[in-house]
Amino acid sequence: MCYNSAQLKTAEASDNSIHVRVSVQLQAHIQRQIGENGLYENASEYIRALIRRDLETRAEAWEWLREELQPALLADESEFVAVSAEDVIRRNQSR
């Protein structure tokens, strides 16, 4: 992957910083997101928002999975049907 020498410096109140090299295309995208015409004041604000959104998305995905699996976790063993790997493969091939 080809990267330019542009770096984003994100600084937290505790004075921690991370330097990230980005491609020309990514830097152009970031520039469109910040400043007068963008939604964010600066690159640091944009990057923090992306990280927060990523964390929320992951939490939502785990919550969705938990909700999907909950009925099976609460089901009585008598509700389950034993199937072989061949049965599963055959069922999936017929779809």
Protein backbone atom coordinates (compact mmCIF):
# COMPACT_ATOMS: atom_id res chain seq x y z
CA MET A 1 0.00 0.00 0.00
CA CYS A 2 1.33 3.43 -0.87
CA TYR A 3 1.32 6.05 1.88
CA ASN A 4 2.36 9.67 1.87
CA SER A 5 4.16 11.42 4.67
CA ALA A 6 1.03 13.09 6.03
CA GLN A 7 0.40 12.29 9.64
CA LEU A 8 -2.58 12.80 11.85
CA LYS A 9 -1.83 13.63 15.43
CA THR A 10 -4.58 12.85 17.86
CA ALA A 11 -4.12 14.24 21.35
CA GLU A 12 -6.12 13.46 24.44
CA ALA A 13 -6.41 15.62 27.55
CA SER A 14 -3.88 13.36 29.24
CA ASP A 15 -1.40 14.35 26.52
CA ASN A 16 -1.33 10.90 24.92
CA SER A 17 -0.91 11.01 21.18
CA ILE A 18 -0.96 8.63 18.27
CA HIS A 19 0.61 9.29 14.90
CA VAL A 20 -1.10 7.67 11.94
CA ARG A 21 0.14 7.61 8.36
CA VAL A 22 -2.67 7.72 5.81
CA SER A 23 -2.84 7.46 2.05
CA VAL A 24 -3.50 10.51 -0.09
CA GLN A 25 -7.07 9.33 -0.62
CA LEU A 26 -7.70 8.92 3.11
CA GLN A 27 -6.19 12.31 3.87
CA ALA A 28 -8.45 13.92 1.26
CA HIS A 29 -11.46 12.22 2.84
CA ILE A 30 -10.46 13.44 6.29
CA GLN A 31 -10.03 16.97 5.00
CA ARG A 32 -13.58 16.88 3.64
CA GLN A 33 -14.87 15.89 7.08
CA ILE A 34 -13.21 18.74 8.98
CA GLY A 35 -13.17 22.51 8.87
CA GLU A 36 -15.79 24.96 7.69
CA ASN A 37 -17.59 22.54 5.36
CA GLY A 38 -17.18 19.41 7.48
CA LEU A 39 -18.94 18.06 10.53
CA TYR A 40 -15.82 18.09 12.71
CA GLU A 41 -13.50 20.83 13.96
CA ASN A 42 -10.30 18.88 13.37
CA ALA A 43 -8.89 15.47 12.48
CA SER A 44 -8.58 14.42 16.12
CA GLU A 45 -12.28 15.01 16.72
CA TYR A 46 -13.15 13.02 13.58
CA ILE A 47 -10.89 10.09 14.52
CA ARG A 48 -12.31 9.96 18.06
CA ALA A 49 -15.85 9.93 16.63
CA LEU A 50 -14.91 7.04 14.32
CA ILE A 51 -13.46 5.07 17.22
CA ARG A 52 -16.54 5.68 19.38
CA ARG A 53 -18.80 4.58 16.50
CA ASP A 54 -16.69 1.45 16.02
CA LEU A 55 -17.00 0.58 19.71
CA GLU A 56 -20.77 1.16 19.63
CA THR A 57 -21.15 -0.97 16.51
CA ARG A 58 -19.21 -3.82 18.10
CA ALA A 59 -21.30 -3.61 21.26
CA GLU A 60 -24.49 -3.62 19.18
CA ALA A 61 -23.28 -6.66 17.22
CA TRP A 62 -22.59 -8.61 20.42
CA GLU A 63 -25.98 -7.60 21.83
CA TRP A 64 -27.71 -8.74 18.63
CA LEU A 65 -25.87 -12.07 18.75
CA ARG A 66 -26.77 -12.56 22.41
CA GLU A 67 -30.44 -11.87 21.65
CA GLU A 68 -30.39 -14.30 18.73
CA LEU A 69 -28.80 -17.06 20.80
CA GLN A 70 -30.88 -16.49 23.94
CA PRO A 71 -33.81 -18.74 22.91
CA ALA A 72 -31.43 -21.62 22.18
CA LEU A 73 -29.60 -21.11 25.45
CA LEU A 74 -32.89 -21.24 27.38
CA ALA A 75 -34.39 -24.14 25.40
CA ASP A 76 -34.84 -27.56 26.92
CA GLU A 77 -32.57 -30.26 25.55
CA SER A 78 -35.60 -32.13 24.26
CA GLU A 79 -36.14 -29.32 21.73
CA PHE A 80 -32.84 -30.03 19.99
CA VAL A 81 -32.47 -32.45 17.10
CA ALA A 82 -29.23 -34.31 16.47
CA VAL A 83 -27.87 -33.87 12.95
CA SER A 84 -24.67 -35.03 11.33
CA ALA A 85 -22.22 -32.87 9.46
CA GLU A 86 -23.39 -34.56 6.26
CA ASP A 87 -26.99 -33.52 7.02
CA VAL A 88 -25.92 -29.90 7.42
CA ILE A 89 -23.86 -29.96 4.22
CA ARG A 90 -26.68 -31.58 2.27
CA ARG A 91 -29.21 -29.02 3.61
CA ASN A 92 -26.92 -26.10 2.70
CA GLN A 93 -26.24 -27.44 -0.78
CA SER A 94 -29.96 -27.65 -1.52
CA ARG A 95 -30.45 -23.93 -0.82
